[in-house]
N, C-alpha and C. Protein backbone atom coordinates (compact mmCIF):
# COMPACT_ATOMS: atom_id res chain seq x y z
N MET A 1 0.15 40.62 55.70
CA MET A 1 0.11 41.43 56.89
C MET A 1 -1.03 42.43 56.73
N ALA A 2 -1.91 42.48 57.70
CA ALA A 2 -3.04 43.40 57.67
C ALA A 2 -2.54 44.83 57.83
N LYS A 3 -3.31 45.76 57.29
CA LYS A 3 -2.92 47.17 57.34
C LYS A 3 -2.69 47.64 58.77
N ASP A 4 -3.52 47.19 59.71
CA ASP A 4 -3.39 47.64 61.09
C ASP A 4 -2.54 46.69 61.95
N ASP A 5 -1.93 45.66 61.34
CA ASP A 5 -1.07 44.73 62.06
C ASP A 5 0.32 44.78 61.44
N PRO A 6 1.24 45.55 62.04
CA PRO A 6 2.56 45.72 61.44
C PRO A 6 3.47 44.50 61.56
N ILE A 7 3.07 43.50 62.32
CA ILE A 7 3.92 42.32 62.51
C ILE A 7 3.69 41.35 61.36
N ALA A 8 4.78 40.96 60.69
CA ALA A 8 4.70 39.98 59.61
C ALA A 8 4.10 38.68 60.15
N PRO A 9 3.26 38.00 59.37
CA PRO A 9 2.60 36.78 59.85
C PRO A 9 3.57 35.73 60.40
N GLU A 10 4.70 35.52 59.74
CA GLU A 10 5.66 34.51 60.21
C GLU A 10 6.30 34.94 61.54
N ALA A 11 6.60 36.21 61.68
CA ALA A 11 7.14 36.71 62.96
C ALA A 11 6.09 36.56 64.06
N LEU A 12 4.86 36.88 63.76
CA LEU A 12 3.77 36.76 64.73
C LEU A 12 3.59 35.31 65.16
N ARG A 13 3.69 34.38 64.21
CA ARG A 13 3.57 32.95 64.52
C ARG A 13 4.67 32.54 65.51
N ILE A 14 5.91 32.98 65.24
CA ILE A 14 7.02 32.64 66.13
C ILE A 14 6.81 33.25 67.51
N MET A 15 6.43 34.50 67.56
CA MET A 15 6.23 35.18 68.85
C MET A 15 5.14 34.49 69.66
N ARG A 16 4.07 34.09 69.01
CA ARG A 16 2.97 33.40 69.72
C ARG A 16 3.36 31.99 70.16
N ALA A 17 4.26 31.36 69.40
CA ALA A 17 4.67 29.99 69.72
C ALA A 17 5.57 29.91 70.95
N TYR A 18 6.18 31.03 71.33
CA TYR A 18 7.13 31.04 72.45
C TYR A 18 6.79 32.15 73.45
N PRO A 19 5.66 32.02 74.16
CA PRO A 19 5.26 33.06 75.10
C PRO A 19 6.24 33.23 76.27
N ALA A 20 6.98 32.19 76.64
CA ALA A 20 7.97 32.34 77.71
C ALA A 20 9.11 33.26 77.27
N VAL A 21 9.32 33.36 75.96
CA VAL A 21 10.40 34.17 75.42
C VAL A 21 9.93 35.59 75.13
N TYR A 22 8.76 35.72 74.49
CA TYR A 22 8.28 37.03 74.01
C TYR A 22 7.17 37.63 74.87
N GLY A 23 6.67 36.87 75.83
CA GLY A 23 5.51 37.32 76.58
C GLY A 23 4.24 36.95 75.84
N PRO A 24 3.11 37.08 76.49
CA PRO A 24 1.85 36.64 75.90
C PRO A 24 1.26 37.59 74.86
N GLY A 25 1.83 38.78 74.71
CA GLY A 25 1.22 39.76 73.81
C GLY A 25 0.01 40.37 74.51
N PRO A 26 -0.65 41.32 73.94
CA PRO A 26 -0.27 41.96 72.68
C PRO A 26 1.00 42.79 72.87
N TRP A 27 1.69 43.03 71.77
CA TRP A 27 2.97 43.73 71.82
C TRP A 27 2.87 45.18 71.37
N THR A 28 1.66 45.63 71.09
CA THR A 28 1.44 47.03 70.70
C THR A 28 1.99 47.95 71.77
N GLY A 29 2.70 48.98 71.35
CA GLY A 29 3.27 49.92 72.30
C GLY A 29 4.60 49.50 72.89
N THR A 30 5.12 48.34 72.46
CA THR A 30 6.44 47.89 72.91
C THR A 30 7.38 47.88 71.70
N LEU A 31 8.64 47.61 71.95
CA LEU A 31 9.60 47.51 70.85
C LEU A 31 9.36 46.28 69.99
N LEU A 32 8.55 45.34 70.46
CA LEU A 32 8.17 44.19 69.64
C LEU A 32 6.89 44.47 68.85
N GLY A 33 6.35 45.66 68.98
CA GLY A 33 5.11 46.02 68.29
C GLY A 33 5.19 45.98 66.78
N ASP A 34 6.40 46.05 66.24
CA ASP A 34 6.60 45.93 64.80
C ASP A 34 7.16 44.56 64.42
N GLY A 35 7.20 43.65 65.37
CA GLY A 35 7.72 42.32 65.10
C GLY A 35 9.23 42.31 65.07
N PHE A 36 9.79 41.53 64.16
CA PHE A 36 11.24 41.42 64.01
C PHE A 36 11.68 42.42 62.96
N LEU A 37 12.58 43.30 63.30
CA LEU A 37 13.04 44.34 62.38
C LEU A 37 14.25 43.83 61.60
N CYS A 38 14.00 42.76 60.85
CA CYS A 38 15.01 42.15 60.01
C CYS A 38 14.28 41.41 58.89
N GLY A 39 15.04 40.92 57.93
CA GLY A 39 14.43 40.21 56.82
C GLY A 39 14.02 38.79 57.19
N PRO A 40 13.14 38.20 56.38
CA PRO A 40 12.61 36.86 56.66
C PRO A 40 13.64 35.75 56.54
N GLY A 41 14.79 36.02 55.94
CA GLY A 41 15.83 35.01 55.84
C GLY A 41 16.39 34.62 57.20
N TRP A 42 16.25 35.49 58.17
CA TRP A 42 16.74 35.19 59.52
C TRP A 42 15.66 34.56 60.40
N TYR A 43 14.43 34.50 59.94
CA TYR A 43 13.36 33.95 60.78
C TYR A 43 13.64 32.52 61.24
N PRO A 44 14.16 31.61 60.39
CA PRO A 44 14.47 30.27 60.90
C PRO A 44 15.51 30.29 62.02
N LEU A 45 16.51 31.17 61.91
CA LEU A 45 17.49 31.31 63.00
C LEU A 45 16.81 31.79 64.28
N ILE A 46 15.93 32.77 64.13
CA ILE A 46 15.21 33.32 65.28
C ILE A 46 14.30 32.27 65.90
N GLU A 47 13.66 31.46 65.07
CA GLU A 47 12.80 30.42 65.62
C GLU A 47 13.61 29.38 66.38
N GLY A 48 14.75 28.96 65.83
CA GLY A 48 15.62 28.02 66.54
C GLY A 48 16.13 28.60 67.85
N LEU A 49 16.52 29.86 67.81
CA LEU A 49 16.96 30.55 69.02
C LEU A 49 15.82 30.62 70.04
N SER A 50 14.63 30.92 69.59
CA SER A 50 13.47 31.02 70.48
C SER A 50 13.18 29.68 71.15
N ALA A 51 13.27 28.59 70.39
CA ALA A 51 13.05 27.26 70.96
C ALA A 51 14.10 26.95 72.02
N ASP A 52 15.36 27.26 71.71
CA ASP A 52 16.43 27.00 72.68
C ASP A 52 16.29 27.87 73.93
N LEU A 53 15.94 29.13 73.74
CA LEU A 53 15.75 30.01 74.89
C LEU A 53 14.58 29.56 75.75
N SER A 54 13.52 29.08 75.11
CA SER A 54 12.37 28.57 75.86
C SER A 54 12.80 27.41 76.76
N GLU A 55 13.66 26.55 76.24
CA GLU A 55 14.16 25.42 77.02
C GLU A 55 15.08 25.90 78.15
N ILE A 56 15.94 26.88 77.87
CA ILE A 56 16.81 27.43 78.92
C ILE A 56 15.97 28.07 80.02
N ILE A 57 14.94 28.80 79.64
CA ILE A 57 14.04 29.43 80.61
C ILE A 57 13.41 28.36 81.51
N ARG A 58 12.95 27.27 80.90
CA ARG A 58 12.31 26.18 81.65
C ARG A 58 13.32 25.49 82.56
N GLN A 59 14.46 25.09 82.00
CA GLN A 59 15.45 24.35 82.78
C GLN A 59 16.03 25.16 83.94
N ASP A 60 16.30 26.43 83.69
CA ASP A 60 16.96 27.25 84.70
C ASP A 60 15.99 28.06 85.56
N GLY A 61 14.70 27.91 85.30
CA GLY A 61 13.70 28.60 86.11
C GLY A 61 13.76 30.11 86.03
N LEU A 62 14.05 30.63 84.85
CA LEU A 62 14.13 32.09 84.68
C LEU A 62 12.71 32.66 84.68
N ARG A 63 12.37 33.40 85.71
CA ARG A 63 11.00 33.92 85.85
C ARG A 63 10.82 35.29 85.22
N CYS A 64 11.90 36.03 85.05
CA CYS A 64 11.78 37.41 84.56
C CYS A 64 12.35 37.58 83.16
N PHE A 65 12.57 36.48 82.44
CA PHE A 65 13.13 36.58 81.09
C PHE A 65 12.11 37.19 80.13
N ARG A 66 12.59 38.07 79.27
CA ARG A 66 11.71 38.63 78.24
C ARG A 66 12.56 39.23 77.13
N VAL A 67 12.17 38.94 75.89
CA VAL A 67 12.80 39.61 74.75
C VAL A 67 12.21 41.01 74.66
N VAL A 68 13.08 41.98 74.48
CA VAL A 68 12.67 43.38 74.38
C VAL A 68 12.57 43.80 72.91
N GLN A 69 13.54 43.36 72.09
CA GLN A 69 13.56 43.76 70.68
C GLN A 69 14.41 42.78 69.88
N VAL A 70 14.00 42.56 68.63
CA VAL A 70 14.76 41.74 67.68
C VAL A 70 14.93 42.58 66.42
N LYS A 71 16.20 42.77 65.99
CA LYS A 71 16.41 43.59 64.81
C LYS A 71 17.77 43.32 64.18
N GLU A 72 17.93 43.86 62.99
CA GLU A 72 19.22 43.88 62.31
C GLU A 72 19.86 45.22 62.60
N LYS A 73 21.15 45.20 62.92
CA LYS A 73 21.90 46.44 63.09
C LYS A 73 23.34 46.17 62.66
N LEU A 74 23.83 47.01 61.76
CA LEU A 74 25.19 46.88 61.26
C LEU A 74 25.46 45.49 60.67
N GLY A 75 24.44 44.94 60.00
CA GLY A 75 24.58 43.64 59.34
C GLY A 75 24.53 42.45 60.27
N SER A 76 24.17 42.66 61.52
CA SER A 76 24.17 41.59 62.50
C SER A 76 22.81 41.50 63.21
N LEU A 77 22.48 40.32 63.67
CA LEU A 77 21.25 40.10 64.42
C LEU A 77 21.43 40.63 65.84
N ARG A 78 20.51 41.46 66.26
CA ARG A 78 20.49 41.96 67.64
C ARG A 78 19.24 41.41 68.31
N PHE A 79 19.44 40.80 69.45
CA PHE A 79 18.37 40.14 70.20
C PHE A 79 18.47 40.66 71.63
N TYR A 80 17.73 41.71 71.92
CA TYR A 80 17.82 42.38 73.22
C TYR A 80 16.86 41.73 74.21
N ILE A 81 17.38 41.43 75.41
CA ILE A 81 16.59 40.73 76.43
C ILE A 81 16.72 41.42 77.79
N ARG A 82 15.81 41.00 78.68
CA ARG A 82 15.89 41.31 80.12
C ARG A 82 15.81 39.99 80.86
N GLY A 83 16.53 39.88 81.96
CA GLY A 83 16.39 38.72 82.83
C GLY A 83 17.05 37.45 82.34
N GLY A 84 18.09 37.55 81.54
CA GLY A 84 18.76 36.36 81.02
C GLY A 84 19.85 35.86 81.95
N ASN A 85 20.53 34.81 81.51
CA ASN A 85 21.66 34.26 82.23
C ASN A 85 22.74 33.90 81.21
N GLU A 86 23.86 33.33 81.67
CA GLU A 86 24.97 33.01 80.76
C GLU A 86 24.57 32.06 79.63
N PRO A 87 23.85 30.96 79.91
CA PRO A 87 23.45 30.10 78.80
C PRO A 87 22.59 30.83 77.75
N ALA A 88 21.70 31.70 78.20
CA ALA A 88 20.87 32.46 77.26
C ALA A 88 21.73 33.41 76.44
N LEU A 89 22.64 34.11 77.09
CA LEU A 89 23.51 35.04 76.38
C LEU A 89 24.43 34.31 75.40
N ASP A 90 24.93 33.15 75.80
CA ASP A 90 25.77 32.36 74.90
C ASP A 90 25.00 31.93 73.66
N ARG A 91 23.76 31.50 73.86
CA ARG A 91 22.95 31.04 72.72
C ARG A 91 22.60 32.21 71.81
N ILE A 92 22.33 33.37 72.37
CA ILE A 92 22.06 34.57 71.56
C ILE A 92 23.30 34.94 70.76
N GLY A 93 24.47 34.86 71.37
CA GLY A 93 25.72 35.13 70.65
C GLY A 93 25.94 34.18 69.50
N LYS A 94 25.62 32.91 69.71
CA LYS A 94 25.76 31.91 68.64
C LYS A 94 24.82 32.25 67.47
N ALA A 95 23.60 32.64 67.78
CA ALA A 95 22.65 33.01 66.72
C ALA A 95 23.14 34.23 65.95
N ALA A 96 23.72 35.20 66.65
CA ALA A 96 24.25 36.39 65.98
C ALA A 96 25.37 36.01 65.03
N GLN A 97 26.23 35.08 65.44
CA GLN A 97 27.30 34.61 64.56
C GLN A 97 26.74 33.89 63.34
N GLU A 98 25.72 33.06 63.55
CA GLU A 98 25.07 32.37 62.43
C GLU A 98 24.48 33.37 61.45
N ALA A 99 23.86 34.42 61.98
CA ALA A 99 23.22 35.42 61.12
C ALA A 99 24.23 36.14 60.24
N GLU A 100 25.46 36.30 60.72
CA GLU A 100 26.48 36.98 59.93
C GLU A 100 26.89 36.19 58.70
N ASN A 101 26.48 34.93 58.64
CA ASN A 101 26.76 34.07 57.48
C ASN A 101 25.50 33.62 56.78
N THR A 102 24.39 34.30 57.06
CA THR A 102 23.09 33.93 56.51
C THR A 102 22.45 35.16 55.89
N CYS A 103 21.96 35.03 54.66
CA CYS A 103 21.31 36.15 53.99
C CYS A 103 20.04 36.53 54.75
N GLU A 104 19.96 37.79 55.09
CA GLU A 104 18.79 38.31 55.80
C GLU A 104 17.55 38.25 54.92
N GLY A 105 17.73 38.30 53.61
CA GLY A 105 16.59 38.31 52.70
C GLY A 105 16.00 36.94 52.44
N CYS A 106 16.87 35.92 52.21
CA CYS A 106 16.35 34.62 51.78
C CYS A 106 16.87 33.44 52.58
N GLY A 107 17.86 33.64 53.43
CA GLY A 107 18.38 32.55 54.25
C GLY A 107 19.55 31.80 53.63
N ALA A 108 19.98 32.18 52.42
CA ALA A 108 21.11 31.52 51.77
C ALA A 108 22.41 31.89 52.49
N VAL A 109 23.47 31.17 52.16
CA VAL A 109 24.79 31.49 52.71
C VAL A 109 25.20 32.87 52.21
N SER A 110 25.74 33.67 53.10
CA SER A 110 26.13 35.04 52.75
C SER A 110 27.19 35.52 53.72
N HIS A 111 27.46 36.80 53.71
CA HIS A 111 28.39 37.43 54.64
C HIS A 111 28.05 38.92 54.73
N VAL A 112 28.58 39.55 55.76
CA VAL A 112 28.33 40.98 55.95
C VAL A 112 29.06 41.75 54.86
N ARG A 113 28.37 42.69 54.24
CA ARG A 113 28.95 43.53 53.19
C ARG A 113 28.30 44.90 53.22
N THR A 114 28.85 45.81 52.46
CA THR A 114 28.32 47.16 52.39
C THR A 114 27.46 47.31 51.14
N VAL A 115 26.25 47.82 51.32
CA VAL A 115 25.35 48.12 50.20
C VAL A 115 24.91 49.57 50.37
N ASP A 116 25.27 50.40 49.42
CA ASP A 116 24.94 51.83 49.48
C ASP A 116 25.32 52.47 50.81
N GLY A 117 26.48 52.09 51.33
CA GLY A 117 26.97 52.67 52.58
C GLY A 117 26.44 52.01 53.84
N TRP A 118 25.58 51.01 53.70
CA TRP A 118 25.00 50.32 54.86
C TRP A 118 25.60 48.92 54.98
N LEU A 119 25.97 48.52 56.20
CA LEU A 119 26.38 47.15 56.43
C LEU A 119 25.14 46.28 56.42
N THR A 120 25.20 45.20 55.67
CA THR A 120 24.05 44.30 55.57
C THR A 120 24.54 42.89 55.28
N THR A 121 23.71 41.92 55.52
CA THR A 121 24.05 40.53 55.24
C THR A 121 23.09 40.03 54.18
N LEU A 122 23.48 40.18 52.93
CA LEU A 122 22.66 39.77 51.80
C LEU A 122 23.48 38.92 50.84
N CYS A 123 22.87 37.89 50.27
CA CYS A 123 23.53 37.11 49.24
C CYS A 123 23.59 37.95 47.96
N ASP A 124 24.29 37.46 46.95
CA ASP A 124 24.43 38.22 45.71
C ASP A 124 23.08 38.52 45.07
N LYS A 125 22.18 37.54 45.06
CA LYS A 125 20.87 37.74 44.44
C LYS A 125 20.07 38.82 45.18
N CYS A 126 19.97 38.70 46.49
CA CYS A 126 19.21 39.69 47.27
C CYS A 126 19.89 41.06 47.23
N ARG A 127 21.21 41.07 47.19
CA ARG A 127 21.94 42.34 47.09
C ARG A 127 21.61 43.04 45.78
N SER A 128 21.58 42.29 44.68
CA SER A 128 21.27 42.91 43.38
C SER A 128 19.83 43.42 43.35
N GLN A 129 18.92 42.76 44.05
CA GLN A 129 17.53 43.22 44.11
C GLN A 129 17.40 44.46 44.98
N ALA A 130 18.32 44.62 45.96
CA ALA A 130 18.26 45.77 46.86
C ALA A 130 18.83 47.04 46.21
N LEU A 131 19.65 46.86 45.18
CA LEU A 131 20.29 48.03 44.54
C LEU A 131 19.34 48.77 43.64
């Protein structure tokens, strides 16, 4: 990641691959300006979600859909949108459930736990590295 580009390269690749979901960019000055505010272990989940949302947008003709922010909060994936519909919200909910069983750091099987008073979803290895 370049000093003046706060978005991780993999997050930037995903955002650019799905302009119907994230908009065409640039994202500077928006809540997406820092990319995904979660660990890289969730990026495959986010990419799968982005692909599915792109298809929902196309099939249902959603003209005003846009992701506002992607982040971890209280050990769970938060995917904030504008202009969605029930299928989009259902798919986002499914991804959030998947994330609760996926290590945010590396993508391994995990669960929500407390680390230093913070709820997080880290496997044993990533948890020990975080301590």
